[in-house]
PDB file of N, CA and C in Angstrom:
ATOM      1  N   UNK A   1       0.853  -1.176   0.000  1.00  0.00           N
ATOM      2  CA  UNK A   1       0.000   0.000   0.000  1.00  0.00           C
ATOM      3  C   UNK A   1       0.898   1.237   0.000  1.00  0.00           C
ATOM      4  N   UNK A   2       0.592   2.148  -0.880  1.00  0.00           N
ATOM      5  CA  UNK A   2       1.343   3.398  -0.966  1.00  0.00           C
ATOM      6  C   UNK A   2       0.507   4.526  -0.382  1.00  0.00           C
ATOM      7  N   UNK A   3       1.125   5.309   0.471  1.00  0.00           N
ATOM      8  CA  UNK A   3       0.474   6.456   1.096  1.00  0.00           C
ATOM      9  C   UNK A   3       1.204   7.709   0.612  1.00  0.00           C
ATOM     10  N   UNK A   4       0.454   8.657   0.054  1.00  0.00           N
ATOM     11  CA  UNK A   4       1.067   9.898  -0.427  1.00  0.00           C
ATOM     12  C   UNK A   4       1.478  10.771   0.753  1.00  0.00           C
ATOM     13  N   UNK A   5       2.321  11.759   0.476  1.00  0.00           N
ATOM     14  CA  UNK A   5       2.744  12.696   1.525  1.00  0.00           C
ATOM     15  C   UNK A   5       1.545  13.412   2.141  1.00  0.00           C
ATOM     16  N   UNK A   6       0.582  13.784   1.312  1.00  0.00           N
ATOM     17  CA  UNK A   6      -0.616  14.464   1.821  1.00  0.00           C
ATOM     18  C   UNK A   6      -1.428  13.540   2.720  1.00  0.00           C
ATOM     19  N   UNK A   7      -1.591  12.296   2.287  1.00  0.00           N
ATOM     20  CA  UNK A   7      -2.343  11.337   3.088  1.00  0.00           C
ATOM     21  C   UNK A   7      -1.638  11.046   4.407  1.00  0.00           C
ATOM     22  N   UNK A   8      -0.328  11.150   4.391  1.00  0.00           N
ATOM     23  CA  UNK A   8       0.449  10.877   5.598  1.00  0.00           C
ATOM     24  C   UNK A   8       0.126  11.868   6.717  1.00  0.00           C
ATOM     25  N   UNK A   9      -0.228  13.095   6.380  1.00  0.00           N
ATOM     26  CA  UNK A   9      -0.651  14.062   7.411  1.00  0.00           C
ATOM     27  C   UNK A   9      -1.874  13.536   8.164  1.00  0.00           C
ATOM     28  N   UNK A  10      -2.815  12.994   7.429  1.00  0.00           N
ATOM     29  CA  UNK A  10      -4.028  12.444   8.044  1.00  0.00           C
ATOM     30  C   UNK A  10      -3.667  11.244   8.917  1.00  0.00           C
ATOM     31  N   UNK A  11      -2.834  10.362   8.365  1.00  0.00           N
ATOM     32  CA  UNK A  11      -2.434   9.164   9.104  1.00  0.00           C
ATOM     33  C   UNK A  11      -1.690   9.535  10.389  1.00  0.00           C
ATOM     34  N   UNK A  12      -0.788  10.497  10.315  1.00  0.00           N
ATOM     35  CA  UNK A  12      -0.037  10.919  11.507  1.00  0.00           C
ATOM     36  C   UNK A  12      -0.970  11.360  12.630  1.00  0.00           C
ATOM     37  N   UNK A  13      -1.993  12.093  12.273  1.00  0.00           N
ATOM     38  CA  UNK A  13      -2.961  12.557  13.270  1.00  0.00           C
ATOM     39  C   UNK A  13      -3.669  11.364  13.903  1.00  0.00           C
ATOM     40  N   UNK A  14      -4.104  10.439  13.072  1.00  0.00           N
ATOM     41  CA  UNK A  14      -4.860   9.299  13.589  1.00  0.00           C
ATOM     42  C   UNK A  14      -3.975   8.285  14.306  1.00  0.00           C
ATOM     43  N   UNK A  15      -2.706   8.210  13.952  1.00  0.00           N
ATOM     44  CA  UNK A  15      -1.795   7.347  14.703  1.00  0.00           C
ATOM     45  C   UNK A  15      -1.554   7.897  16.104  1.00  0.00           C
ATOM     46  N   UNK A  16      -1.592   9.202  16.226  1.00  0.00           N
ATOM     47  CA  UNK A  16      -1.346   9.792  17.551  1.00  0.00           C
ATOM     48  C   UNK A  16      -2.605   9.818  18.416  1.00  0.00           C
ATOM     49  N   UNK A  17      -3.774   9.886  17.775  1.00  0.00           N
ATOM     50  CA  UNK A  17      -5.031   9.896  18.528  1.00  0.00           C
ATOM     51  C   UNK A  17      -6.167   9.452  17.611  1.00  0.00           C
ATOM     52  N   UNK A  18      -6.874   8.443  18.045  1.00  0.00           N
ATOM     53  CA  UNK A  18      -8.033   7.994  17.270  1.00  0.00           C
ATOM     54  C   UNK A  18      -8.958   7.222  18.199  1.00  0.00           C
ATOM     55  N   UNK A  19     -10.203   7.089  17.849  1.00  0.00           N
ATOM     56  CA  UNK A  19     -10.836   7.571  16.624  1.00  0.00           C
ATOM     57  C   UNK A  19     -11.161   9.063  16.716  1.00  0.00           C
ATOM     58  N   UNK A  20     -11.218   9.701  15.549  1.00  0.00           N
ATOM     59  CA  UNK A  20     -11.587  11.111  15.439  1.00  0.00           C
ATOM     60  C   UNK A  20     -12.563  11.275  14.278  1.00  0.00           C
ATOM     61  N   UNK A  21     -13.433  12.276  14.387  1.00  0.00           N
ATOM     62  CA  UNK A  21     -14.295  12.589  13.247  1.00  0.00           C
ATOM     63  C   UNK A  21     -13.543  13.523  12.296  1.00  0.00           C
ATOM     64  N   UNK A  22     -14.115  13.762  11.133  1.00  0.00           N
ATOM     65  CA  UNK A  22     -13.440  14.555  10.103  1.00  0.00           C
ATOM     66  C   UNK A  22     -13.104  15.956  10.600  1.00  0.00           C
ATOM     67  N   UNK A  23     -14.024  16.595  11.326  1.00  0.00           N
ATOM     68  CA  UNK A  23     -13.759  17.945  11.822  1.00  0.00           C
ATOM     69  C   UNK A  23     -12.602  17.963  12.818  1.00  0.00           C
ATOM     70  N   UNK A  24     -12.519  16.945  13.655  1.00  0.00           N
ATOM     71  CA  UNK A  24     -11.420  16.861  14.615  1.00  0.00           C
ATOM     72  C   UNK A  24     -10.084  16.651  13.900  1.00  0.00           C
ATOM     73  N   UNK A  25     -10.110  15.891  12.829  1.00  0.00           N
ATOM     74  CA  UNK A  25      -8.887  15.706  12.036  1.00  0.00           C
ATOM     75  C   UNK A  25      -8.461  17.027  11.423  1.00  0.00           C
ATOM     76  N   UNK A  26      -9.406  17.743  10.826  1.00  0.00           N
ATOM     77  CA  UNK A  26      -9.120  19.039  10.200  1.00  0.00           C
ATOM     78  C   UNK A  26      -8.540  20.015  11.219  1.00  0.00           C
ATOM     79  N   UNK A  27      -9.095  20.037  12.420  1.00  0.00           N
ATOM     80  CA  UNK A  27      -8.611  20.931  13.478  1.00  0.00           C
ATOM     81  C   UNK A  27      -7.163  20.658  13.847  1.00  0.00           C
ATOM     82  N   UNK A  28      -6.719  19.421  13.693  1.00  0.00           N
ATOM     83  CA  UNK A  28      -5.368  19.026  14.094  1.00  0.00           C
ATOM     84  C   UNK A  28      -4.341  19.152  12.969  1.00  0.00           C
ATOM     85  N   UNK A  29      -4.783  19.455  11.771  1.00  0.00           N
ATOM     86  CA  UNK A  29      -3.848  19.631  10.658  1.00  0.00           C
ATOM     87  C   UNK A  29      -2.991  20.876  10.869  1.00  0.00           C
ATOM     88  N   UNK A  30      -1.730  20.831  10.457  1.00  0.00           N
ATOM     89  CA  UNK A  30      -0.890  22.025  10.558  1.00  0.00           C
ATOM     90  C   UNK A  30      -1.512  23.189   9.783  1.00  0.00           C
ATOM     91  N   UNK A  31      -1.584  24.349  10.400  1.00  0.00           N
ATOM     92  CA  UNK A  31      -2.203  25.510   9.749  1.00  0.00           C
ATOM     93  C   UNK A  31      -1.453  25.926   8.490  1.00  0.00           C
ATOM     94  N   UNK A  32      -0.174  25.624   8.437  1.00  0.00           N
ATOM     95  CA  UNK A  32       0.620  25.985   7.260  1.00  0.00           C
ATOM     96  C   UNK A  32       0.132  25.283   5.993  1.00  0.00           C
ATOM     97  N   UNK A  33      -0.556  24.169   6.148  1.00  0.00           N
ATOM     98  CA  UNK A  33      -1.075  23.458   4.977  1.00  0.00           C
ATOM     99  C   UNK A  33      -2.169  24.252   4.281  1.00  0.00           C
ATOM    100  N   UNK A  34      -2.954  24.992   5.065  1.00  0.00           N
ATOM    101  CA  UNK A  34      -4.023  25.821   4.522  1.00  0.00           C
ATOM    102  C   UNK A  34      -4.980  25.016   3.632  1.00  0.00           C
ATOM    103  N   UNK A  35      -5.325  23.798   4.084  1.00  0.00           N
ATOM    104  CA  UNK A  35      -6.256  22.954   3.355  1.00  0.00           C
ATOM    105  C   UNK A  35      -7.685  23.310   3.709  1.00  0.00           C
ATOM    106  N   UNK A  36      -8.563  23.148   2.734  1.00  0.00           N
ATOM    107  CA  UNK A  36      -9.987  23.287   3.012  1.00  0.00           C
ATOM    108  C   UNK A  36     -10.485  21.985   3.641  1.00  0.00           C
ATOM    109  N   UNK A  37     -11.664  22.052   4.234  1.00  0.00           N
ATOM    110  CA  UNK A  37     -12.279  20.839   4.789  1.00  0.00           C
ATOM    111  C   UNK A  37     -12.453  19.788   3.688  1.00  0.00           C
ATOM    112  N   UNK A  38     -12.813  20.261   2.496  1.00  0.00           N
ATOM    113  CA  UNK A  38     -13.050  19.356   1.373  1.00  0.00           C
ATOM    114  C   UNK A  38     -11.779  18.585   1.016  1.00  0.00           C
ATOM    115  N   UNK A  39     -10.634  19.250   1.042  1.00  0.00           N
ATOM    116  CA  UNK A  39      -9.359  18.585   0.739  1.00  0.00           C
ATOM    117  C   UNK A  39      -9.093  17.470   1.738  1.00  0.00           C
ATOM    118  N   UNK A  40      -9.240  17.783   3.023  1.00  0.00           N
ATOM    119  CA  UNK A  40      -9.002  16.786   4.071  1.00  0.00           C
ATOM    120  C   UNK A  40      -9.964  15.609   3.923  1.00  0.00           C
ATOM    121  N   UNK A  41     -11.222  15.893   3.646  1.00  0.00           N
ATOM    122  CA  UNK A  41     -12.216  14.829   3.516  1.00  0.00           C
ATOM    123  C   UNK A  41     -11.950  13.967   2.280  1.00  0.00           C
ATOM    124  N   UNK A  42     -11.443  14.570   1.210  1.00  0.00           N
ATOM    125  CA  UNK A  42     -11.054  13.809   0.024  1.00  0.00           C
ATOM    126  C   UNK A  42      -9.932  12.841   0.369  1.00  0.00           C
ATOM    127  N   UNK A  43      -8.951  13.318   1.141  1.00  0.00           N
ATOM    128  CA  UNK A  43      -7.839  12.455   1.535  1.00  0.00           C
ATOM    129  C   UNK A  43      -8.309  11.326   2.459  1.00  0.00           C
ATOM    130  N   UNK A  44      -9.225  11.634   3.362  1.00  0.00           N
ATOM    131  CA  UNK A  44      -9.799  10.597   4.236  1.00  0.00           C
ATOM    132  C   UNK A  44     -10.477   9.530   3.381  1.00  0.00           C
ATOM    133  N   UNK A  45     -11.242   9.949   2.387  1.00  0.00           N
ATOM    134  CA  UNK A  45     -11.932   8.988   1.515  1.00  0.00           C
ATOM    135  C   UNK A  45     -10.945   8.132   0.726  1.00  0.00           C
ATOM    136  N   UNK A  46      -9.853   8.730   0.265  1.00  0.00           N
ATOM    137  CA  UNK A  46      -8.823   7.957  -0.437  1.00  0.00           C
ATOM    138  C   UNK A  46      -8.242   6.887   0.475  1.00  0.00           C
ATOM    139  N   UNK A  47      -7.965   7.283   1.720  1.00  0.00           N
ATOM    140  CA  UNK A  47      -7.393   6.341   2.682  1.00  0.00           C
ATOM    141  C   UNK A  47      -8.378   5.225   3.024  1.00  0.00           C
ATOM    142  N   UNK A  48      -9.670   5.553   3.065  1.00  0.00           N
ATOM    143  CA  UNK A  48     -10.694   4.524   3.279  1.00  0.00           C
ATOM    144  C   UNK A  48     -10.698   3.523   2.124  1.00  0.00           C
ATOM    145  N   UNK A  49     -10.628   4.032   0.885  1.00  0.00           N
ATOM    146  CA  UNK A  49     -10.630   3.160  -0.292  1.00  0.00           C
ATOM    147  C   UNK A  49      -9.400   2.269  -0.338  1.00  0.00           C
ATOM    148  N   UNK A  50      -8.268   2.782   0.142  1.00  0.00           N
ATOM    149  CA  UNK A  50      -7.034   1.996   0.172  1.00  0.00           C
ATOM    150  C   UNK A  50      -7.037   0.970   1.295  1.00  0.00           C
ATOM    151  N   UNK A  51      -7.945   1.150   2.254  1.00  0.00           N
ATOM    152  CA  UNK A  51      -7.985   0.240   3.388  1.00  0.00           C
ATOM    153  C   UNK A  51      -7.063   0.647   4.521  1.00  0.00           C
ATOM    154  N   UNK A  52      -6.502   1.847   4.440  1.00  0.00           N
ATOM    155  CA  UNK A  52      -5.604   2.342   5.496  1.00  0.00           C
ATOM    156  C   UNK A  52      -6.396   2.860   6.693  1.00  0.00           C
ATOM    157  N   UNK A  53      -7.641   3.251   6.447  1.00  0.00           N
ATOM    158  CA  UNK A  53      -8.542   3.720   7.501  1.00  0.00           C
ATOM    159  C   UNK A  53      -9.829   2.913   7.466  1.00  0.00           C
ATOM    160  N   UNK A  54     -10.488   2.930   8.620  1.00  0.00           N
ATOM    161  CA  UNK A  54     -11.847   2.404   8.709  1.00  0.00           C
ATOM    162  C   UNK A  54     -12.622   3.389   9.575  1.00  0.00           C
ATOM    163  N   UNK A  55     -13.889   3.158   9.754  1.00  0.00           N
ATOM    164  CA  UNK A  55     -14.694   4.085  10.551  1.00  0.00           C
ATOM    165  C   UNK A  55     -15.755   3.326  11.315  1.00  0.00           C
ATOM    166  N   UNK A  56     -16.244   3.993  12.329  1.00  0.00           N
ATOM    167  CA  UNK A  56     -17.427   3.520  13.049  1.00  0.00           C
ATOM    168  C   UNK A  56     -18.363   4.707  13.146  1.00  0.00           C
ATOM    169  N   UNK A  57     -19.626   4.434  13.047  1.00  0.00           N
ATOM    170  CA  UNK A  57     -20.608   5.510  13.116  1.00  0.00           C
ATOM    171  C   UNK A  57     -21.017   5.714  14.567  1.00  0.00           C
ATOM    172  N   UNK A  58     -20.979   6.964  14.975  1.00  0.00           N
ATOM    173  CA  UNK A  58     -21.415   7.320  16.323  1.00  0.00           C
ATOM    174  C   UNK A  58     -22.351   8.515  16.203  1.00  0.00           C
ATOM    175  N   UNK A  59     -23.619   8.259  16.374  1.00  0.00           N
ATOM    176  CA  UNK A  59     -24.599   9.325  16.184  1.00  0.00           C
ATOM    177  C   UNK A  59     -24.577   9.777  14.739  1.00  0.00           C
ATOM    178  N   UNK A  60     -24.374  11.078  14.542  1.00  0.00           N
ATOM    179  CA  UNK A  60     -24.342  11.645  13.194  1.00  0.00           C
ATOM    180  C   UNK A  60     -22.926  11.722  12.637  1.00  0.00           C
ATOM    181  N   UNK A  61     -21.959  11.257  13.410  1.00  0.00           N
ATOM    182  CA  UNK A  61     -20.552  11.378  13.000  1.00  0.00           C
ATOM    183  C   UNK A  61     -19.950  10.024  12.649  1.00  0.00           C
ATOM    184  N   UNK A  62     -18.986  10.091  11.757  1.00  0.00           N
ATOM    185  CA  UNK A  62     -18.159   8.936  11.460  1.00  0.00           C
ATOM    186  C   UNK A  62     -16.836   9.150  12.173  1.00  0.00           C
ATOM    187  N   UNK A  63     -16.421   8.172  12.949  1.00  0.00           N
ATOM    188  CA  UNK A  63     -15.154   8.237  13.662  1.00  0.00           C
ATOM    189  C   UNK A  63     -14.148   7.360  12.923  1.00  0.00           C
ATOM    190  N   UNK A  64     -13.039   7.978  12.521  1.00  0.00           N
ATOM    191  CA  UNK A  64     -12.037   7.300  11.706  1.00  0.00           C
ATOM    192  C   UNK A  64     -10.881   6.807  12.566  1.00  0.00           C
ATOM    193  N   UNK A  65     -10.336   5.655  12.162  1.00  0.00           N
ATOM    194  CA  UNK A  65      -9.185   5.093  12.861  1.00  0.00           C
ATOM    195  C   UNK A  65      -8.321   4.325  11.853  1.00  0.00           C
ATOM    196  N   UNK A  66      -7.013   4.261  12.111  1.00  0.00           N
ATOM    197  CA  UNK A  66      -6.124   3.571  11.177  1.00  0.00           C
ATOM    198  C   UNK A  66      -6.265   2.055  11.284  1.00  0.00           C
ATOM    199  N   UNK A  67      -6.105   1.389  10.157  1.00  0.00           N
ATOM    200  CA  UNK A  67      -6.112  -0.072  10.132  1.00  0.00           C
ATOM    201  C   UNK A  67      -4.704  -0.621   9.903  1.00  0.00           C
ATOM    202  N   UNK A  68      -3.761   0.275   9.660  1.00  0.00           N
ATOM    203  CA  UNK A  68      -2.363  -0.104   9.479  1.00  0.00           C
ATOM    204  C   UNK A  68      -1.511   0.724  10.434  1.00  0.00           C
ATOM    205  N   UNK A  69      -0.364   0.217  10.766  1.00  0.00           N
ATOM    206  CA  UNK A  69       0.529   0.920  11.685  1.00  0.00           C
ATOM    207  C   UNK A  69       1.544   1.768  10.921  1.00  0.00           C
ATOM    208  N   UNK A  70       2.133   2.686  11.638  1.00  0.00           N
ATOM    209  CA  UNK A  70       3.210   3.501  11.075  1.00  0.00           C
ATOM    210  C   UNK A  70       4.355   2.590  10.599  1.00  0.00           C
ATOM    211  N   UNK A  71       4.658   1.554  11.383  1.00  0.00           N
ATOM    212  CA  UNK A  71       5.740   0.640  11.036  1.00  0.00           C
ATOM    213  C   UNK A  71       5.460  -0.095   9.728  1.00  0.00           C
ATOM    214  N   UNK A  72       4.191  -0.445   9.479  1.00  0.00           N
ATOM    215  CA  UNK A  72       3.847  -1.110   8.220  1.00  0.00           C
ATOM    216  C   UNK A  72       4.102  -0.186   7.029  1.00  0.00           C
ATOM    217  N   UNK A  73       3.740   1.069   7.169  1.00  0.00           N
ATOM    218  CA  UNK A  73       3.976   2.044   6.093  1.00  0.00           C
ATOM    219  C   UNK A  73       5.468   2.288   5.920  1.00  0.00           C
ATOM    220  N   UNK A  74       6.195   2.406   7.027  1.00  0.00           N
ATOM    221  CA  UNK A  74       7.648   2.600   6.944  1.00  0.00           C
ATOM    222  C   UNK A  74       8.296   1.437   6.201  1.00  0.00           C
ATOM    223  N   UNK A  75       7.877   0.233   6.522  1.00  0.00           N
ATOM    224  CA  UNK A  75       8.445  -0.952   5.882  1.00  0.00           C
ATOM    225  C   UNK A  75       8.159  -0.965   4.386  1.00  0.00           C
ATOM    226  N   UNK A  76       6.913  -0.758   4.027  1.00  0.00           N
ATOM    227  CA  UNK A  76       6.523  -0.757   2.614  1.00  0.00           C
ATOM    228  C   UNK A  76       7.230   0.353   1.845  1.00  0.00           C
ATOM    229  N   UNK A  77       7.222   1.552   2.398  1.00  0.00           N
ATOM    230  CA  UNK A  77       7.813   2.705   1.712  1.00  0.00           C
ATOM    231  C   UNK A  77       9.317   2.556   1.571  1.00  0.00           C
ATOM    232  N   UNK A  78       9.979   2.096   2.623  1.00  0.00           N
ATOM    233  CA  UNK A  78      11.433   1.949   2.552  1.00  0.00           C
ATOM    234  C   UNK A  78      11.814   0.882   1.523  1.00  0.00           C
ATOM    235  N   UNK A  79      11.040  -0.183   1.432  1.00  0.00           N
ATOM    236  CA  UNK A  79      11.314  -1.215   0.418  1.00  0.00           C
ATOM    237  C   UNK A  79      11.128  -0.655  -0.984  1.00  0.00           C
ATOM    238  N   UNK A  80      10.081   0.159  -1.167  1.00  0.00           N
ATOM    239  CA  UNK A  80       9.835   0.756  -2.484  1.00  0.00           C
ATOM    240  C   UNK A  80      10.965   1.703  -2.873  1.00  0.00           C
ATOM    241  N   UNK A  81      11.409   2.532  -1.933  1.00  0.00           N
ATOM    242  CA  UNK A  81      12.496   3.480  -2.208  1.00  0.00           C
ATOM    243  C   UNK A  81      13.776   2.718  -2.517  1.00  0.00           C
ATOM    244  N   UNK A  82      14.067   1.723  -1.717  1.00  0.00           N
ATOM    245  CA  UNK A  82      15.273   0.915  -1.921  1.00  0.00           C
ATOM    246  C   UNK A  82      15.257   0.266  -3.302  1.00  0.00           C
ATOM    247  N   UNK A  83      14.113  -0.277  -3.673  1.00  0.00           N
ATOM    248  CA  UNK A  83      13.988  -0.948  -4.970  1.00  0.00           C
ATOM    249  C   UNK A  83      14.093   0.046  -6.127  1.00  0.00           C
ATOM    250  N   UNK A  84      13.359   1.154  -6.034  1.00  0.00           N
ATOM    251  CA  UNK A  84      13.302   2.124  -7.137  1.00  0.00           C
ATOM    252  C   UNK A  84      14.592   2.898  -7.331  1.00  0.00           C
ATOM    253  N   UNK A  85      15.207   3.309  -6.247  1.00  0.00           N
ATOM    254  CA  UNK A  85      16.323   4.243  -6.355  1.00  0.00           C
ATOM    255  C   UNK A  85      17.703   3.637  -6.120  1.00  0.00           C
ATOM    256  N   UNK A  86      17.760   2.480  -5.466  1.00  0.00           N
ATOM    257  CA  UNK A  86      19.058   1.933  -5.083  1.00  0.00           C
ATOM    258  C   UNK A  86      19.224   0.470  -5.499  1.00  0.00           C
ATOM    259  N   UNK A  87      18.496   0.075  -6.552  1.00  0.00           N
ATOM    260  CA  UNK A  87      18.586  -1.290  -7.091  1.00  0.00           C
ATOM    261  C   UNK A  87      18.395  -2.358  -6.020  1.00  0.00           C
ATOM    262  N   UNK A  88      17.613  -2.046  -5.006  1.00  0.00           N
ATOM    263  CA  UNK A  88      17.311  -3.015  -3.962  1.00  0.00           C
ATOM    264  C   UNK A  88      18.436  -3.264  -2.981  1.00  0.00           C
ATOM    265  N   UNK A  89      19.496  -2.474  -3.055  1.00  0.00           N
ATOM    266  CA  UNK A  89      20.674  -2.713  -2.215  1.00  0.00           C
ATOM    267  C   UNK A  89      20.758  -1.689  -1.083  1.00  0.00           C
ATOM    268  N   UNK A  90      20.681  -2.189   0.126  1.00  0.00           N
ATOM    269  CA  UNK A  90      20.799  -1.327   1.300  1.00  0.00           C
ATOM    270  C   UNK A  90      22.177  -0.687   1.365  1.00  0.00           C
ATOM    271  N   UNK A  91      23.209  -1.416   0.965  1.00  0.00           N
ATOM    272  CA  UNK A  91      24.572  -0.869   1.005  1.00  0.00           C
ATOM    273  C   UNK A  91      24.702   0.355   0.098  1.00  0.00           C
ATOM    274  N   UNK A  92      24.013   0.358  -1.042  1.00  0.00           N
ATOM    275  CA  UNK A  92      24.043   1.509  -1.948  1.00  0.00           C
ATOM    276  C   UNK A  92      23.367   2.717  -1.310  1.00  0.00           C
ATOM    277  N   UNK A  93      22.259   2.469  -0.617  1.00  0.00           N
ATOM    278  CA  UNK A  93      21.564   3.550   0.093  1.00  0.00           C
ATOM    279  C   UNK A  93      22.461   4.159   1.167  1.00  0.00           C
ATOM    280  N   UNK A  94      23.063   3.320   1.989  1.00  0.00           N
ATOM    281  CA  UNK A  94      23.928   3.807   3.065  1.00  0.00           C
ATOM    282  C   UNK A  94      25.125   4.541   2.482  1.00  0.00           C
ATOM    283  N   UNK A  95      25.699   4.009   1.415  1.00  0.00           N
ATOM    284  CA  UNK A  95      26.824   4.653   0.750  1.00  0.00           C
ATOM    285  C   UNK A  95      26.434   6.031   0.219  1.00  0.00           C
ATOM    286  N   UNK A  96      25.238   6.124  -0.351  1.00  0.00           N
ATOM    287  CA  UNK A  96      24.748   7.411  -0.858  1.00  0.00           C
ATOM    288  C   UNK A  96      24.689   8.444   0.266  1.00  0.00           C
ATOM    289  N   UNK A  97      24.117   8.049   1.403  1.00  0.00           N
ATOM    290  CA  UNK A  97      24.018   8.979   2.521  1.00  0.00           C
ATOM    291  C   UNK A  97      25.399   9.333   3.068  1.00  0.00           C
ATOM    292  N   UNK A  98      26.279   8.373   3.109  1.00  0.00           N
ATOM    293  CA  UNK A  98      27.633   8.643   3.602  1.00  0.00           C
ATOM    294  C   UNK A  98      28.358   9.623   2.685  1.00  0.00           C
ATOM    295  N   UNK A  99      28.107   9.516   1.386  1.00  0.00           N
ATOM    296  CA  UNK A  99      28.758  10.405   0.423  1.00  0.00           C
ATOM    297  C   UNK A  99      28.138  11.794   0.356  1.00  0.00           C
ATOM    298  N   UNK A 100      26.815  11.892   0.610  1.00  0.00           N
ATOM    299  CA  UNK A 100      26.111  13.145   0.381  1.00  0.00           C
ATOM    300  C   UNK A 100      25.604  13.845   1.634  1.00  0.00           C
ATOM    301  N   UNK A 101      25.671  13.193   2.743  1.00  0.00           N
ATOM    302  CA  UNK A 101      25.193  13.781   3.997  1.00  0.00           C
ATOM    303  C   UNK A 101      26.300  13.690   5.036  1.00  0.00           C
ATOM    304  N   UNK A 102      26.359  14.662   5.898  1.00  0.00           N
ATOM    305  CA  UNK A 102      27.329  14.637   6.992  1.00  0.00           C
ATOM    306  C   UNK A 102      26.721  13.836   8.137  1.00  0.00           C
ATOM    307  N   UNK A 103      27.286  12.663   8.383  1.00  0.00           N
ATOM    308  CA  UNK A 103      26.808  11.835   9.477  1.00  0.00           C
ATOM    309  C   UNK A 103      27.557  12.223  10.752  1.00  0.00           C
ATOM    310  N   UNK A 104      26.813  12.355  11.820  1.00  0.00           N
ATOM    311  CA  UNK A 104      27.433  12.674  13.107  1.00  0.00           C
ATOM    312  C   UNK A 104      28.106  11.424  13.665  1.00  0.00           C
ATOM    313  N   UNK A 105      28.981  11.628  14.619  1.00  0.00           N
ATOM    314  CA  UNK A 105      29.625  10.487  15.277  1.00  0.00           C
ATOM    315  C   UNK A 105      28.579   9.570  15.908  1.00  0.00           C
ATOM    316  N   UNK A 106      27.533  10.176  16.448  1.00  0.00           N
ATOM    317  CA  UNK A 106      26.459   9.392  17.076  1.00  0.00           C
ATOM    318  C   UNK A 106      25.759   8.524  16.038  1.00  0.00           C
ATOM    319  N   UNK A 107      25.458   9.100  14.860  1.00  0.00           N
ATOM    320  CA  UNK A 107      24.792   8.333  13.807  1.00  0.00           C
ATOM    321  C   UNK A 107      25.677   7.190  13.313  1.00  0.00           C
ATOM    322  N   UNK A 108      26.960   7.457  13.179  1.00  0.00           N
ATOM    323  CA  UNK A 108      27.896   6.419  12.748  1.00  0.00           C
ATOM    324  C   UNK A 108      27.936   5.293  13.782  1.00  0.00           C
ATOM    325  N   UNK A 109      27.981   5.661  15.043  1.00  0.00           N
ATOM    326  CA  UNK A 109      27.990   4.661  16.118  1.00  0.00           C
ATOM    327  C   UNK A 109      26.705   3.835  16.098  1.00  0.00           C
ATOM    328  N   UNK A 110      25.572   4.490  15.836  1.00  0.00           N
ATOM    329  CA  UNK A 110      24.300   3.765  15.772  1.00  0.00           C
ATOM    330  C   UNK A 110      24.294   2.777  14.610  1.00  0.00           C
ATOM    331  N   UNK A 111      24.813   3.197  13.458  1.00  0.00           N
ATOM    332  CA  UNK A 111      24.898   2.302  12.304  1.00  0.00           C
ATOM    333  C   UNK A 111      25.820   1.115  12.594  1.00  0.00           C
ATOM    334  N   UNK A 112      26.940   1.399  13.227  1.00  0.00           N
ATOM    335  CA  UNK A 112      27.876   0.320  13.576  1.00  0.00           C
ATOM    336  C   UNK A 112      27.219  -0.681  14.524  1.00  0.00           C
ATOM    337  N   UNK A 113      26.440  -0.183  15.474  1.00  0.00           N
ATOM    338  CA  UNK A 113      25.751  -1.069  16.417  1.00  0.00           C
ATOM    339  C   UNK A 113      24.714  -1.923  15.691  1.00  0.00           C
ATOM    340  N   UNK A 114      23.987  -1.310  14.779  1.00  0.00           N
ATOM    341  CA  UNK A 114      22.981  -2.063  14.004  1.00  0.00           C
ATOM    342  C   UNK A 114      23.656  -3.198  13.242  1.00  0.00           C
ATOM    343  N   UNK A 115      24.776  -2.892  12.584  1.00  0.00           N
ATOM    344  CA  UNK A 115      25.485  -3.911  11.812  1.00  0.00           C
ATOM    345  C   UNK A 115      26.024  -4.999  12.737  1.00  0.00           C
ATOM    346  N   UNK A 116      26.591  -4.588  13.867  1.00  0.00           N
ATOM    347  CA  UNK A 116      27.125  -5.565  14.832  1.00  0.00           C
ATOM    348  C   UNK A 116      26.004  -6.491  15.323  1.00  0.00           C
ATOM    349  N   UNK A 117      24.836  -5.910  15.629  1.00  0.00           N
ATOM    350  CA  UNK A 117      23.719  -6.708  16.128  1.00  0.00           C
ATOM    351  C   UNK A 117      23.148  -7.654  15.063  1.00  0.00           C
ATOM    352  N   UNK A 118      23.367  -7.352  13.807  1.00  0.00           N
ATOM    353  CA  UNK A 118      22.864  -8.193  12.725  1.00  0.00           C
ATOM    354  C   UNK A 118      23.707  -9.444  12.522  1.00  0.00           C
ATOM    355  N   UNK A 119      24.958  -9.368  12.936  1.00  0.00           N
ATOM    356  CA  UNK A 119      25.859 -10.510  12.732  1.00  0.00           C
ATOM    357  C   UNK A 119      25.490 -11.628  13.709  1.00  0.00           C
ATOM    358  N   UNK A 120      25.576 -12.884  13.209  1.00  0.00           N
ATOM    359  CA  UNK A 120      25.230 -14.022  14.075  1.00  0.00           C
ATOM    360  C   UNK A 120      26.243 -14.233  15.209  1.00  0.00           C
TER     361      UNK A 120
END
């Protein structure tokens, strides 16, 4: 399942607190987005169609909640990025970041620990 950057705003809100109705979701969106209610509701409907959200009816309101976790999206998205941009090779991704980004000593130590923990 692919979640767009715009849809991710909705998911982030619902991962932190749910269930929420559409108005409550809109209230929690960053003001810098300057989205209309219609935009947010369109994104909610897209997420419902994808199966990323579900709802329960409470009175006159629909309360939305996620059906997938943040970790599931991270896993799917990272695999897609790795496949599309780095020929499926994690070493190429890490090499790219090492060549193009300044890694702190802490980040390097964290990577070394991850690699050490992966070894049998």
